[in-house]
Protein backbone atom coordinates (compact mmCIF):
# COMPACT_ATOMS: atom_id res chain seq x y z
CA LEU A 1 57.60 29.21 72.97
CA HIS A 2 54.30 28.16 71.39
CA LEU A 3 51.34 30.53 71.30
CA THR A 4 47.82 29.46 70.43
CA TYR A 5 45.28 32.07 69.43
CA LEU A 6 41.68 31.16 69.98
CA ARG A 7 39.01 32.96 68.08
CA SER A 8 35.91 33.60 70.13
CA PRO A 9 32.72 32.12 68.66
CA TYR A 10 30.95 35.25 69.87
CA PRO A 11 31.01 38.59 68.08
CA HIS A 12 32.65 41.68 69.49
CA ALA A 13 30.46 43.67 71.85
CA GLY A 14 28.34 46.14 69.92
CA SER A 15 28.63 44.36 66.57
CA VAL A 16 25.21 42.66 66.83
CA MET A 17 21.87 44.37 67.28
CA VAL A 18 18.72 42.54 68.31
CA VAL A 19 15.52 44.32 67.30
CA VAL A 20 12.34 43.58 69.22
CA ALA A 21 9.33 44.95 67.36
CA GLY A 22 5.67 44.58 68.08
CA SER A 23 3.48 44.79 71.13
CA ASN A 24 4.21 44.04 74.74
CA ARG A 25 2.79 40.52 74.69
CA GLY A 26 4.85 37.69 76.08
CA GLY A 27 5.60 39.22 79.44
CA PRO A 28 8.65 38.85 81.66
CA PRO A 29 9.47 35.21 80.73
CA THR A 30 9.76 36.20 77.06
CA TRP A 31 11.81 39.32 77.78
CA GLU A 32 14.12 37.42 80.15
CA SER A 33 14.61 34.78 77.44
CA ILE A 34 15.67 37.49 74.97
CA HIS A 35 18.37 38.56 77.42
CA GLU A 36 19.46 35.00 78.27
CA HIS A 37 19.51 33.56 74.75
CA LEU A 38 20.35 36.55 72.56
CA LEU A 39 21.65 39.67 74.25
CA VAL A 40 24.09 38.11 76.72
CA PRO A 41 25.64 35.33 74.59
CA LEU A 42 25.86 37.52 71.49
CA ARG A 43 26.95 40.58 73.48
CA ALA A 44 24.30 42.36 71.46
CA ASP A 45 22.73 45.78 71.68
CA LEU A 46 18.95 45.92 72.00
CA THR A 47 16.63 48.09 69.92
CA VAL A 48 12.94 48.10 70.74
CA VAL A 49 10.26 49.21 68.29
CA LEU A 50 7.10 49.52 70.34
CA PRO A 51 3.81 51.43 70.33
CA ALA A 52 4.37 55.03 71.43
CA PRO A 53 1.53 55.00 74.01
CA TRP A 54 3.07 51.99 75.76
CA ILE A 55 6.52 53.59 75.84
CA ALA A 56 5.08 56.81 77.27
CA ARG A 57 3.18 54.88 79.94
CA LEU A 58 6.31 53.01 81.05
CA ARG A 59 8.21 56.29 81.32
CA ASP A 60 5.48 57.84 83.48
CA ALA A 61 6.56 57.67 87.14
CA ALA A 62 3.01 58.28 88.37
CA TYR A 63 1.74 55.30 86.37
CA LEU A 64 4.58 53.06 87.54
CA ALA A 65 3.83 53.91 91.18
CA THR A 66 0.70 51.74 90.96
CA ALA A 67 1.55 49.54 87.97
CA PRO A 68 1.67 45.74 88.14
CA ALA A 69 5.04 44.01 88.47
CA SER A 70 4.98 43.01 84.79
CA GLU A 71 5.07 46.68 83.79
CA HIS A 72 8.14 47.25 85.98
CA ALA A 73 9.78 44.21 84.35
CA ALA A 74 8.99 45.61 80.90
CA LYS A 75 10.62 48.91 81.80
CA LEU A 76 13.69 47.18 83.21
CA LEU A 77 14.10 44.44 80.58
CA LEU A 78 13.06 46.39 77.49
CA LEU A 79 13.23 50.17 77.80
CA ASP A 80 16.09 50.48 80.28
CA ALA A 81 18.14 47.78 78.50
CA ALA A 82 17.62 49.21 75.01
CA LYS A 83 20.34 51.16 73.30
CA LEU A 84 17.67 52.56 70.98
CA VAL A 85 13.93 52.97 71.58
CA VAL A 86 11.81 53.61 68.48
CA PRO A 87 8.20 54.64 69.15
CA VAL A 88 5.71 53.72 66.44
CA PRO A 89 1.96 54.21 66.12
CA GLU A 90 -0.29 51.56 67.60
CA ILE A 91 -0.50 48.86 64.93
CA ASP A 92 -3.46 46.49 64.62
CA ASP A 93 -1.89 44.02 62.18
CA TRP A 94 1.88 43.54 62.22
CA GLY A 95 1.47 41.21 59.24
CA ASP A 96 0.72 44.26 57.08
CA VAL A 97 3.89 45.94 58.35
CA LEU A 98 6.02 42.88 57.60
CA ASP A 99 4.47 42.53 54.13
CA SER A 100 5.32 46.16 53.42
CA MET A 101 8.89 45.63 54.62
CA GLU A 102 9.23 42.63 52.31
CA ARG A 103 7.96 44.64 49.32
CA GLN A 104 10.46 47.41 50.07
CA ALA A 105 13.31 44.91 50.45
CA ARG A 106 12.44 43.31 47.11
CA ALA A 107 12.33 46.72 45.46
CA ALA A 108 15.74 47.59 46.87
CA ARG A 109 17.20 44.23 45.85
CA CYS A 110 16.24 44.63 42.20
CA GLY A 111 16.96 48.35 42.06
CA ALA A 112 13.32 49.26 41.54
CA ALA A 113 12.32 52.85 42.12
CA SER A 114 9.26 51.84 44.15
CA PRO A 115 7.87 48.89 46.12
CA ALA A 116 5.25 48.42 43.38
CA GLN A 117 8.00 48.03 40.78
CA GLY A 118 9.78 45.59 43.09
CA ALA A 119 6.61 43.54 43.46
CA ALA A 120 6.15 43.51 39.69
CA ALA A 121 9.74 42.34 39.23
CA ALA A 122 9.21 39.55 41.75
CA ALA A 123 5.95 38.48 40.07
CA SER A 124 7.67 38.34 36.68
CA GLY A 125 10.46 36.17 38.06
CA GLU A 126 13.05 38.91 37.61
CA ILE A 127 14.02 38.46 41.27
CA GLY A 128 13.50 35.50 43.58
CA SER A 129 11.00 35.29 46.38
CA THR A 130 13.64 34.59 49.02
């Protein structure tokens, strides 16, 4: 008797999380692509980090009664599919948010007590930029 064990190229369900952060731009084609190319093949959980006013609007049944089809798609493909929904304030420039996240990651990587110390360590060459 010969047994062959095949290891799946895909992770176990629940071991991958896809985080969608930002605004609701892109529309249904973008959100469907996230499902088709990330969530389904990776068997991933979805977390959405979206502006609180938009989340509240999509959860409002009275609004949805007259909302365009794209809003219904957003509710179905983003909010209803998400394992975790994180409301954030309306953000004008996501670049600032990403820059702040990078500073905090650098600080954590070099053991700095603050993002400013992490930035100083990066500038001095103490830690790399990647």
